[in-house]
Protein backbone atom coordinates (compact mmCIF):
# COMPACT_ATOMS: atom_id res chain seq x y z
CA MET A 1 4.87 45.60 -5.65
CA ALA A 2 7.95 46.53 -3.56
CA HIS A 3 8.83 44.37 -0.57
CA THR A 4 9.67 46.00 2.72
CA ARG A 5 12.63 45.05 4.88
CA ARG A 6 10.13 43.48 7.31
CA ASP A 7 8.74 41.28 4.52
CA PHE A 8 12.24 40.17 3.59
CA ILE A 9 13.11 39.26 7.19
CA LYS A 10 9.87 37.35 7.60
CA LEU A 11 10.35 35.43 4.37
CA THR A 12 13.93 34.56 5.35
CA PHE A 13 12.79 33.38 8.77
CA LEU A 14 10.04 31.19 7.37
CA ALA A 15 12.36 29.71 4.79
CA SER A 16 14.83 28.85 7.54
CA ALA A 17 12.09 27.39 9.72
CA SER A 18 10.82 25.27 6.85
CA LEU A 19 14.24 23.63 6.59
CA MET A 20 13.65 22.17 10.04
CA VAL A 21 10.68 20.23 8.71
CA PRO A 22 11.61 16.73 7.44
CA GLN A 23 11.20 16.28 3.69
CA PHE A 24 8.59 13.56 4.12
CA LEU A 25 6.26 16.04 5.85
CA LYS A 26 6.13 18.62 3.07
CA ALA A 27 3.72 19.28 0.20
CA PHE A 28 0.47 18.88 2.11
CA GLY A 29 -3.00 20.29 1.62
CA SER A 30 -5.33 22.12 3.95
CA MET A 31 -6.24 20.92 7.42
CA ASN A 32 -9.70 20.73 8.99
CA ILE A 33 -11.15 19.86 12.34
CA PRO A 34 -10.85 16.05 12.75
CA GLY A 35 -13.81 13.76 13.15
CA GLU A 36 -14.21 10.03 13.59
CA TYR A 37 -13.94 8.36 10.19
CA GLN A 38 -16.55 5.77 9.28
CA GLY A 39 -15.84 5.32 5.57
CA LYS A 40 -13.91 2.80 3.50
CA THR A 41 -10.21 2.13 4.05
CA LEU A 42 -7.59 0.62 1.74
CA VAL A 43 -4.41 -1.00 3.00
CA VAL A 44 -1.74 -1.83 0.41
CA ILE A 45 1.00 -4.35 1.24
CA GLN A 46 3.98 -4.44 -1.10
CA LEU A 47 6.11 -7.62 -1.11
CA SER A 48 9.35 -6.23 -2.52
CA GLY A 49 11.77 -8.33 -4.54
CA GLY A 50 9.41 -10.47 -6.60
CA ASN A 51 7.43 -12.95 -4.51
CA ASP A 52 7.31 -16.53 -5.80
CA GLY A 53 3.55 -16.90 -6.13
CA LEU A 54 3.84 -20.43 -7.48
CA ASN A 55 5.19 -21.58 -4.12
CA CYS A 56 2.44 -19.69 -2.30
CA VAL A 57 -0.62 -20.97 -4.14
CA ILE A 58 0.15 -24.58 -5.04
CA PRO A 59 -1.38 -26.59 -7.92
CA LEU A 60 -2.04 -29.88 -6.13
CA HIS A 61 -1.16 -33.16 -7.87
CA ASN A 62 0.41 -31.30 -10.80
CA ASP A 63 3.39 -33.19 -12.21
CA LEU A 64 4.50 -30.17 -14.25
CA TYR A 65 4.97 -28.19 -11.04
CA TYR A 66 7.07 -30.89 -9.37
CA ASN A 67 9.09 -31.64 -12.51
CA ALA A 68 10.00 -27.96 -12.82
CA ARG A 69 10.91 -27.74 -9.12
CA PRO A 70 12.53 -30.98 -7.93
CA ASP A 71 14.00 -29.23 -4.85
CA LEU A 72 11.54 -26.39 -4.30
CA GLY A 73 8.25 -28.17 -4.98
CA LEU A 74 6.27 -28.47 -1.73
CA GLU A 75 5.29 -31.88 -0.41
CA ASN A 76 1.87 -32.68 1.02
CA SER A 77 3.06 -32.08 4.59
CA GLN A 78 4.08 -28.54 3.59
CA ILE A 79 0.75 -27.64 2.01
CA ILE A 80 -2.60 -26.53 3.44
CA SER A 81 -5.30 -27.84 1.11
CA LEU A 82 -8.00 -25.33 0.20
CA ASN A 83 -9.83 -27.74 -2.11
CA ASP A 84 -8.93 -30.80 -4.20
CA LYS A 85 -6.94 -28.70 -6.69
CA VAL A 86 -5.42 -25.81 -4.75
CA GLY A 87 -3.30 -25.51 -1.63
CA LEU A 88 -1.37 -22.85 0.25
CA ASN A 89 2.18 -22.93 1.51
CA SER A 90 1.95 -24.06 5.15
CA SER A 91 3.73 -20.85 6.16
CA LEU A 92 0.60 -19.01 5.00
CA GLN A 93 -1.64 -20.42 7.75
CA GLY A 94 -2.90 -16.91 8.44
CA LEU A 95 -4.09 -16.60 4.85
CA ALA A 96 -5.69 -20.03 5.03
CA ASP A 97 -7.65 -18.96 8.11
CA LEU A 98 -8.89 -15.86 6.29
CA TYR A 99 -9.76 -17.97 3.24
CA ASN A 100 -11.77 -20.47 5.31
CA ALA A 101 -13.65 -17.59 6.96
CA GLY A 102 -14.63 -16.12 3.57
CA HIS A 103 -12.36 -13.10 3.99
CA LEU A 104 -9.80 -13.74 1.24
CA SER A 105 -9.87 -13.60 -2.54
CA ILE A 106 -6.90 -15.03 -4.44
CA ILE A 107 -6.53 -13.53 -7.91
CA ASN A 108 -4.19 -15.55 -10.13
CA SER A 109 -2.11 -14.76 -13.23
CA VAL A 110 -2.03 -10.98 -12.68
CA GLY A 111 0.41 -8.97 -14.76
CA TYR A 112 0.66 -6.68 -17.79
CA PRO A 113 1.68 -6.83 -21.47
CA ASN A 114 5.40 -6.98 -22.33
CA PRO A 115 6.51 -7.63 -18.73
CA ASN A 116 9.75 -6.07 -17.53
CA ARG A 117 12.12 -8.17 -15.38
CA SER A 118 13.94 -5.27 -13.74
CA HIS A 119 12.98 -4.76 -10.09
CA PHE A 120 13.10 -0.99 -10.43
CA ARG A 121 11.24 -0.66 -13.71
CA SER A 122 8.60 -3.27 -12.92
CA MET A 123 7.97 -1.73 -9.50
CA ASP A 124 7.59 1.67 -11.16
CA ILE A 125 5.04 0.16 -13.54
CA TRP A 126 3.01 -1.30 -10.67
CA GLN A 127 3.29 1.85 -8.58
CA THR A 128 2.40 4.28 -11.37
CA ALA A 129 -0.03 1.98 -13.23
CA SER A 130 1.72 2.78 -16.51
CA ASP A 131 2.27 0.77 -19.65
CA GLU A 132 5.66 -0.92 -19.95
CA ALA A 133 6.83 1.62 -22.53
CA LYS A 134 5.58 4.72 -20.71
CA VAL A 135 7.34 6.36 -17.77
CA LEU A 136 5.23 8.33 -15.28
CA ASN A 137 6.41 10.41 -12.33
CA THR A 138 3.17 10.16 -10.34
CA GLY A 139 1.74 7.14 -8.56
CA TRP A 140 -1.76 5.74 -8.91
CA LEU A 141 -2.67 6.49 -5.29
CA GLY A 142 -1.15 9.96 -5.57
CA ARG A 143 -3.31 10.61 -8.61
CA TYR A 144 -6.30 9.37 -6.61
CA LEU A 145 -5.49 12.10 -4.07
CA ASP A 146 -5.24 14.62 -6.90
CA ALA A 147 -8.58 13.52 -8.34
CA THR A 148 -10.23 13.74 -4.93
CA CYS A 149 -8.69 17.16 -4.33
CA SER A 150 -9.98 18.54 -7.65
CA ASP A 151 -13.47 17.12 -7.23
CA GLU A 152 -16.01 19.96 -7.16
CA SER A 153 -17.72 18.45 -4.12
CA ARG A 154 -14.52 18.96 -2.13
CA ILE A 155 -14.58 22.64 -3.01
CA THR A 156 -18.17 23.14 -1.86
CA ASN A 157 -17.71 20.91 1.20
CA PRO A 158 -14.40 21.71 2.95
CA ALA A 159 -14.90 18.87 5.42
CA GLN A 160 -14.33 16.45 2.54
CA GLN A 161 -11.11 18.01 1.30
CA VAL A 162 -7.90 15.98 1.10
CA LYS A 163 -5.91 16.35 4.31
CA PRO A 164 -2.23 15.60 4.92
CA HIS A 165 -3.07 12.31 6.61
CA THR A 166 -5.55 11.07 3.98
CA ALA A 167 -2.87 8.63 2.77
CA VAL A 168 0.04 7.47 4.94
CA GLU A 169 2.94 5.11 4.47
CA ILE A 170 4.52 3.45 7.49
CA ASP A 171 8.10 3.94 6.38
CA ASP A 172 10.86 6.53 6.41
CA TYR A 173 10.41 7.28 2.72
CA LEU A 174 7.39 7.82 0.53
CA SER A 175 6.81 5.36 -2.33
CA LEU A 176 6.13 6.59 -5.84
CA SER A 177 2.65 5.07 -5.52
CA MET A 178 1.72 7.79 -3.04
CA LYS A 179 3.02 10.81 -4.98
CA GLY A 180 0.58 12.87 -7.02
CA GLU A 181 1.04 16.00 -9.07
CA ILE A 182 -0.76 18.15 -6.47
CA LYS A 183 -0.97 15.99 -3.36
CA LYS A 184 1.29 13.45 -1.72
CA GLY A 185 0.94 10.91 1.03
CA LEU A 186 2.64 11.24 4.40
CA ALA A 187 5.48 8.88 5.36
CA PHE A 188 6.51 8.13 8.93
CA ASN A 189 7.74 5.10 10.82
CA ASN A 190 6.41 5.99 14.23
CA PRO A 191 3.65 8.45 15.22
CA ALA A 192 5.59 9.59 18.29
CA ASN A 193 8.69 10.36 16.22
CA LEU A 194 6.54 12.19 13.69
CA HIS A 195 5.16 14.38 16.47
CA LEU A 196 8.60 14.91 17.98
CA ALA A 197 9.95 16.12 14.62
CA THR A 198 7.53 19.07 14.70
CA ASP A 199 7.45 19.68 18.45
CA ASN A 200 9.69 22.70 18.10
CA LYS A 201 9.05 26.02 19.83
CA ILE A 202 9.91 28.07 16.74
CA LEU A 203 7.71 26.00 14.45
CA ARG A 204 4.82 26.09 16.90
CA THR A 205 5.07 29.86 17.31
CA VAL A 206 5.07 30.44 13.57
CA SER A 207 2.18 28.03 13.03
CA SER A 208 0.03 29.58 15.74
CA ASN A 209 0.31 33.01 14.10
CA TYR A 210 -0.82 31.87 10.66
CA HIS A 211 -3.05 34.05 8.51
CA GLU A 212 -3.36 34.33 4.74
CA GLU A 213 -1.11 36.85 3.01
CA HIS A 214 -2.15 36.86 -0.61
CA GLU A 215 0.21 39.74 -1.41
CA HIS A 216 3.24 37.56 -0.69
CA PRO A 217 2.65 34.03 -2.09
CA LYS A 218 6.07 32.70 -1.05
CA ILE A 219 5.48 33.67 2.56
CA GLU A 220 1.97 32.25 2.34
CA PHE A 221 3.23 28.91 0.97
CA LEU A 222 5.94 28.49 3.59
CA HIS A 223 3.63 29.50 6.42
CA LYS A 224 0.86 27.18 5.26
CA THR A 225 3.29 24.27 4.91
CA LEU A 226 4.37 24.71 8.51
CA VAL A 227 0.77 24.88 9.71
CA ASP A 228 -0.26 21.75 7.81
CA THR A 229 2.82 19.89 8.98
CA THR A 230 2.36 20.55 12.67
CA GLN A 231 -1.39 19.94 12.56
CA SER A 232 -0.95 16.68 10.69
CA ALA A 233 1.67 15.47 13.15
CA ASP A 234 -0.63 16.40 16.04
CA TYR A 235 -3.55 14.59 14.41
CA ILE A 236 -1.65 11.34 13.84
CA PHE A 237 -0.09 11.43 17.31
CA LYS A 238 -3.44 12.08 18.98
CA HIS A 239 -5.10 9.16 17.21
CA SER A 240 -2.18 6.83 17.88
CA LYS A 241 -2.99 7.14 21.58
CA ILE A 242 -6.74 6.59 21.36
CA TYR A 243 -6.61 2.84 20.78
CA LYS A 244 -3.85 0.52 21.98
CA SER A 245 -4.17 -3.00 20.66
CA SER A 246 -4.07 -5.94 23.04
CA LYS A 247 -3.40 -8.35 20.16
CA ILE A 248 -0.04 -10.09 20.11
CA TYR A 249 1.53 -9.15 16.79
CA PRO A 250 4.65 -10.94 15.50
CA VAL A 251 7.77 -9.46 17.04
CA ASN A 252 9.34 -8.02 13.90
CA ASP A 253 9.30 -4.72 12.06
CA PHE A 254 6.50 -5.70 9.69
CA GLY A 255 4.31 -6.82 12.57
CA ARG A 256 4.99 -3.53 14.35
CA ARG A 257 3.99 -1.54 11.26
CA MET A 258 0.78 -3.51 10.81
CA LYS A 259 -0.03 -2.83 14.46
CA VAL A 260 0.47 0.92 13.93
CA ILE A 261 -1.99 0.80 11.01
CA ALA A 262 -4.55 -1.21 13.00
CA GLU A 263 -4.39 1.20 15.91
CA LEU A 264 -4.92 4.22 13.65
CA ILE A 265 -7.84 2.58 11.85
CA CYS A 266 -9.49 1.51 15.09
CA SER A 267 -8.96 4.97 16.59
CA GLY A 268 -11.21 6.51 13.94
CA SER A 269 -8.45 8.25 12.01
CA GLU A 270 -9.68 9.86 8.78
CA THR A 271 -6.87 8.21 6.84
CA LYS A 272 -8.28 6.37 3.82
CA ILE A 273 -5.11 4.75 2.48
CA TYR A 274 -2.29 2.98 4.30
CA TYR A 275 0.83 1.64 2.56
CA VAL A 276 3.42 -0.74 3.96
CA SER A 277 6.20 -2.92 2.53
CA LEU A 278 7.94 -6.18 3.36
CA SER A 279 11.23 -6.77 1.54
CA GLY A 280 13.47 -9.77 0.91
CA PHE A 281 11.59 -11.71 -1.77
CA ASP A 282 14.36 -11.76 -4.39
CA THR A 283 15.12 -15.44 -3.80
CA HIS A 284 17.72 -16.47 -6.40
CA ILE A 285 19.68 -18.71 -4.04
CA ASN A 286 18.52 -21.34 -1.52
CA GLN A 287 15.00 -20.02 -1.63
CA LYS A 288 12.92 -22.39 0.42
CA ASP A 289 13.71 -21.65 4.08
CA ARG A 290 14.12 -17.93 3.49
CA HIS A 291 10.90 -17.67 1.51
CA ASP A 292 8.93 -19.69 4.06
CA LYS A 293 10.09 -17.43 6.90
CA LEU A 294 9.07 -14.29 4.99
CA LEU A 295 5.66 -15.77 4.18
CA LYS A 296 5.07 -16.56 7.85
CA VAL A 297 6.00 -13.01 8.87
CA TYR A 298 3.56 -11.68 6.30
CA ALA A 299 0.66 -14.06 6.93
CA ASP A 300 0.82 -14.05 10.74
CA SER A 301 0.96 -10.25 10.82
CA LEU A 302 -1.93 -9.92 8.37
CA LYS A 303 -4.11 -12.39 10.29
CA THR A 304 -3.52 -10.60 13.61
CA PHE A 305 -4.24 -7.29 11.90
CA CYS A 306 -7.53 -8.58 10.49
CA ASP A 307 -8.55 -10.03 13.85
CA ASP A 308 -7.82 -6.66 15.44
CA LEU A 309 -10.10 -4.89 12.99
CA MET A 310 -12.82 -7.53 13.38
CA ASP A 311 -12.86 -7.03 17.13
CA ASN A 312 -13.35 -3.30 16.59
CA ASP A 313 -15.98 -3.56 13.84
CA ARG A 314 -13.68 -2.02 11.23
CA PHE A 315 -12.89 -5.07 9.09
CA LYS A 316 -16.07 -4.84 7.04
CA ASP A 317 -14.99 -1.39 5.84
CA THR A 318 -11.38 -2.33 5.08
CA VAL A 319 -9.77 -3.95 2.04
CA VAL A 320 -6.17 -5.17 2.14
CA MET A 321 -4.42 -5.67 -1.20
CA THR A 322 -1.09 -7.51 -1.38
CA PHE A 323 1.07 -7.41 -4.50
CA SER A 324 4.65 -7.90 -5.71
CA GLU A 325 6.39 -6.38 -8.73
CA PHE A 326 6.58 -9.74 -10.53
CA GLY A 327 6.52 -13.46 -9.88
CA ARG A 328 9.31 -15.97 -10.49
CA ARG A 329 10.07 -18.29 -13.38
CA VAL A 330 8.34 -21.65 -13.25
CA ALA A 331 11.51 -23.77 -13.19
CA GLN A 332 13.95 -23.54 -10.31
CA ASN A 333 17.53 -22.50 -11.11
CA ALA A 334 20.80 -24.31 -10.40
CA SER A 335 21.12 -22.56 -7.01
CA ARG A 336 17.88 -23.96 -5.60
CA GLY A 337 16.24 -20.61 -6.13
CA THR A 338 14.09 -18.95 -8.76
CA ASP A 339 14.77 -16.11 -11.17
CA HIS A 340 12.68 -13.10 -12.15
CA GLY A 341 9.41 -14.06 -13.80
CA THR A 342 6.23 -12.40 -14.94
CA ALA A 343 2.64 -12.96 -13.78
CA ASN A 344 1.80 -13.44 -10.12
CA ASN A 345 -1.10 -13.67 -7.69
CA ILE A 346 -2.70 -10.83 -5.72
CA TYR A 347 -4.35 -11.36 -2.36
CA ILE A 348 -7.41 -9.33 -1.40
CA ALA A 349 -8.49 -9.55 2.25
CA GLY A 350 -11.53 -7.88 3.78
CA GLY A 351 -14.77 -8.32 5.63
CA GLY A 352 -16.96 -7.08 2.80
CA LEU A 353 -15.80 -9.10 -0.21
CA SER A 354 -18.32 -9.90 -2.92
CA LYS A 355 -16.35 -12.86 -4.28
CA ALA A 356 -14.07 -14.63 -1.84
CA GLY A 357 -12.06 -17.79 -2.48
CA ILE A 358 -10.10 -18.67 -5.62
CA TYR A 359 -11.14 -15.84 -7.93
CA ASN A 360 -9.98 -17.40 -11.20
CA GLU A 361 -8.18 -20.48 -12.48
CA LEU A 362 -4.60 -21.23 -11.48
CA PRO A 363 -1.86 -20.55 -14.05
CA ASP A 364 -1.71 -23.01 -16.93
CA LEU A 365 1.68 -24.73 -16.58
CA LYS A 366 1.20 -26.41 -19.96
CA ASN A 367 1.02 -23.09 -21.74
CA LEU A 368 4.05 -20.95 -20.88
CA ASP A 369 5.81 -18.08 -22.62
CA ASN A 370 9.44 -19.23 -22.81
CA GLY A 371 9.21 -20.72 -19.33
CA ASP A 372 7.14 -17.91 -17.82
CA LEU A 373 3.53 -17.70 -16.70
CA ILE A 374 1.16 -15.86 -19.02
CA TYR A 375 -0.89 -13.09 -17.45
CA LYS A 376 -4.69 -13.28 -17.70
CA ILE A 377 -5.71 -10.24 -15.63
CA ASP A 378 -4.15 -6.81 -16.02
CA PHE A 379 -3.14 -5.46 -12.61
CA ARG A 380 -4.85 -2.19 -13.50
CA GLN A 381 -8.17 -4.05 -13.52
CA VAL A 382 -7.57 -4.68 -9.81
CA TYR A 383 -6.74 -1.01 -9.26
CA ALA A 384 -9.75 0.11 -11.29
CA THR A 385 -12.05 -2.10 -9.23
CA ILE A 386 -10.72 -0.69 -5.96
CA LEU A 387 -10.97 2.90 -7.21
CA ASP A 388 -14.49 2.58 -8.61
CA LYS A 389 -16.13 0.22 -6.16
CA TRP A 390 -14.26 0.86 -2.91
CA LEU A 391 -12.93 4.42 -3.05
CA THR A 392 -15.84 5.60 -5.26
CA THR A 393 -13.62 7.48 -7.70
CA ASP A 394 -13.72 7.29 -11.49
CA HIS A 395 -10.77 5.03 -12.28
CA GLN A 396 -10.38 6.49 -15.78
CA LYS A 397 -9.36 9.85 -14.29
CA VAL A 398 -6.70 8.14 -12.18
CA LEU A 399 -5.44 5.39 -14.50
CA ASN A 400 -5.66 7.41 -17.72
CA GLY A 401 -7.60 4.64 -19.42
CA LYS A 402 -10.60 2.34 -19.11
CA PHE A 403 -10.22 -1.15 -17.63
CA SER A 404 -12.72 -3.93 -17.08
CA LEU A 405 -13.80 -4.21 -13.46
CA LEU A 406 -13.60 -7.37 -11.37
CA ASP A 407 -16.07 -8.73 -8.82
CA PHE A 408 -14.10 -9.17 -5.59
CA VAL A 409 -15.83 -6.12 -4.03
């Protein structure tokens, strides 16, 4: 079918207008009238760099631990005892408080076969839920969005369709975890800045005149992208103003990001998945003080966040999963640090846990693989459990395989 000069001008205009939209706002789905969300929420915290789990969850009275770490091994005054065998780094007081309240499950020795020690490759494995030898270009949470989008119930019930803000990352860039084949999450650092990025007279004019033009799919795609972008920005900005927390979060960037997430959850935002990262855990040199400071930033922010949700009756419907791309080697190195290791612990926080406490046995320091911890639980079992039991989605469709489920929810 021939295109008129008017069609060409309109297509050119829309293409130019779309360039004004930040990259992290593109590739969204349809938008619907917002309502107050009362369902389940998942918050994922990524500790980037390879957190030293062995100096987080301490095997009390274990000579093998202290012999391997003459400088880094924590003394009694630096440990919060959870029971007669297990303690937490004293910088993790916030986690200890959640543990004592029955709101924390510590899963030990989590990893995968043939572990990779590269930060980039191992993080890709965790974010895509792939095998070590297989490279994927979609993330596990992105594929969850795809699976939800293709569900027949979403077709018959438009109110349940995936929206641009179904999954958000509080960052300038979107992690691979949040990228699906069809759908992607939405990345932004600040709701006000997100709104400002689309508060443009040209964009608003184009969006307000939207109607479907099936004869010209390129025009339709560009127009729809602009509409979804501006509506999503409006939605997030509106909900960021509904609830303003009175809690005193740690004065750092991670604390600020956790506060943004808490305020959106407590506002009734329909967002189901939130993603946030804390970096700096690659502790090869002089680890102790640096690691302790990072742990305090993490734990204090998480505890304030959980208290915020408790006060607003949202904690029972929220699960917070914390992971890192790998742990560290058991023995310290010559620089009073630790090198890239393998298995690690995962922390699950929430008000509706089925099995809180120490989920499984601590790593066996007598039985190592060339100085590394041996994994006992595949990380995809954790993902599968969250997908099936919390997000009520068939994990096999998302993870491309069947994994045994755990009992923490």
